[in-house]
Amino acid sequence: AIVKVFCKKFNKELDALPTAPIPGPKGEHIKDNFSQKAWSEWIALQTMLINEKHLDLSIKENRVWLNNQMDLFLNNENYEKPSGYIPVE
């Protein structure tokens, strides 16, 4: 059976992530509070941000910035949008 979760990004019941998307408590929090749809959209956005800003993820500041963008995106706050980015409806 498909497990549902109340997604805080979309404010409705959606398909849950099958496993925590990242290790540790933060991953569990994401799994418990956000849907597969929200996470998939974040991954697409994250890829665009990394490519557009040529982020070197071996640099800690870049990882911290990206992690912060993830929190803003999932919580519907003002996250950085790549040029030409159109959110999926």
Protein backbone atom coordinates (compact mmCIF):
# COMPACT_ATOMS: atom_id res chain seq x y z
CA ALA A 1 0.00 0.00 0.00
CA ILE A 2 1.11 3.55 -0.68
CA VAL A 3 1.89 5.39 2.54
CA LYS A 4 0.55 8.93 2.77
CA VAL A 5 1.96 11.88 4.70
CA PHE A 6 0.52 15.31 5.43
CA CYS A 7 2.92 17.40 3.34
CA LYS A 8 3.76 20.74 4.96
CA LYS A 9 4.83 22.20 1.61
CA PHE A 10 1.54 21.51 -0.17
CA ASN A 11 -0.72 21.39 2.91
CA LYS A 12 -2.34 18.13 1.88
CA GLU A 13 -2.02 14.36 2.09
CA LEU A 14 0.38 13.08 -0.54
CA ASP A 15 2.52 10.01 -1.15
CA ALA A 16 5.22 9.69 1.49
CA LEU A 17 8.90 9.17 0.83
CA PRO A 18 9.70 5.43 1.15
CA THR A 19 12.85 6.19 3.18
CA ALA A 20 14.52 9.22 4.72
CA PRO A 21 16.11 11.15 1.81
CA ILE A 22 19.18 12.14 3.80
CA PRO A 23 20.79 10.53 6.86
CA GLY A 24 20.11 11.50 10.45
CA PRO A 25 17.35 13.35 12.27
CA LYS A 26 16.93 15.90 9.46
CA GLY A 27 16.17 13.11 6.99
CA GLU A 28 13.61 11.60 9.37
CA HIS A 29 12.00 15.04 9.82
CA ILE A 30 11.75 15.44 6.03
CA LYS A 31 10.29 11.92 5.62
CA ASP A 32 7.70 12.59 8.36
CA ASN A 33 6.64 16.05 7.16
CA PHE A 34 7.09 16.25 3.40
CA SER A 35 5.88 14.25 0.40
CA GLN A 36 7.69 12.48 -2.39
CA LYS A 37 6.39 15.28 -4.67
CA ALA A 38 7.93 18.03 -2.52
CA TRP A 39 11.26 16.19 -2.32
CA SER A 40 11.34 15.49 -6.07
CA GLU A 41 10.71 19.16 -6.80
CA TRP A 42 13.48 20.12 -4.37
CA ILE A 43 15.93 17.74 -6.10
CA ALA A 44 15.10 19.31 -9.48
CA LEU A 45 15.56 22.82 -8.05
CA GLN A 46 18.76 21.83 -6.24
CA THR A 47 20.24 20.53 -9.50
CA MET A 48 19.42 23.81 -11.25
CA LEU A 49 20.92 25.88 -8.41
CA ILE A 50 24.13 23.80 -8.37
CA ASN A 51 24.50 24.06 -12.15
CA GLU A 52 23.62 27.73 -12.48
CA LYS A 53 25.81 28.86 -9.58
CA HIS A 54 28.58 26.35 -10.41
CA LEU A 55 28.52 25.27 -6.77
CA ASP A 56 31.45 23.21 -5.59
CA LEU A 57 29.88 20.99 -2.94
CA SER A 58 33.28 20.12 -1.50
CA ILE A 59 33.16 23.64 -0.03
CA LYS A 60 31.30 23.67 3.28
CA GLU A 61 29.79 27.16 2.81
CA ASN A 62 28.13 25.98 -0.42
CA ARG A 63 26.62 22.94 1.30
CA VAL A 64 25.36 25.12 4.16
CA TRP A 65 23.80 27.57 1.67
CA LEU A 66 22.15 24.75 -0.29
CA ASN A 67 20.82 23.16 2.90
CA ASN A 68 19.34 26.52 3.88
CA GLN A 69 17.70 26.83 0.44
CA MET A 70 16.18 23.37 0.95
CA ASP A 71 14.61 24.49 4.25
CA LEU A 72 13.25 27.67 2.64
CA PHE A 73 11.84 25.72 -0.33
CA LEU A 74 10.16 23.02 1.77
CA ASN A 75 8.68 25.60 4.14
CA ASN A 76 7.37 27.82 1.32
CA GLU A 77 9.67 30.67 2.25
CA ASN A 78 11.62 32.91 -0.09
CA TYR A 79 14.21 30.60 -1.64
CA GLU A 80 16.64 31.44 -4.44
CA LYS A 81 15.18 30.72 -7.89
CA PRO A 82 17.38 29.98 -10.88
CA SER A 83 16.84 32.29 -13.84
CA GLY A 84 13.95 30.98 -15.90
CA TYR A 85 12.75 28.68 -13.11
CA ILE A 86 9.02 27.99 -13.20
CA PRO A 87 7.70 26.01 -10.22
CA VAL A 88 5.73 22.89 -11.11
CA GLU A 89 2.04 23.28 -10.28
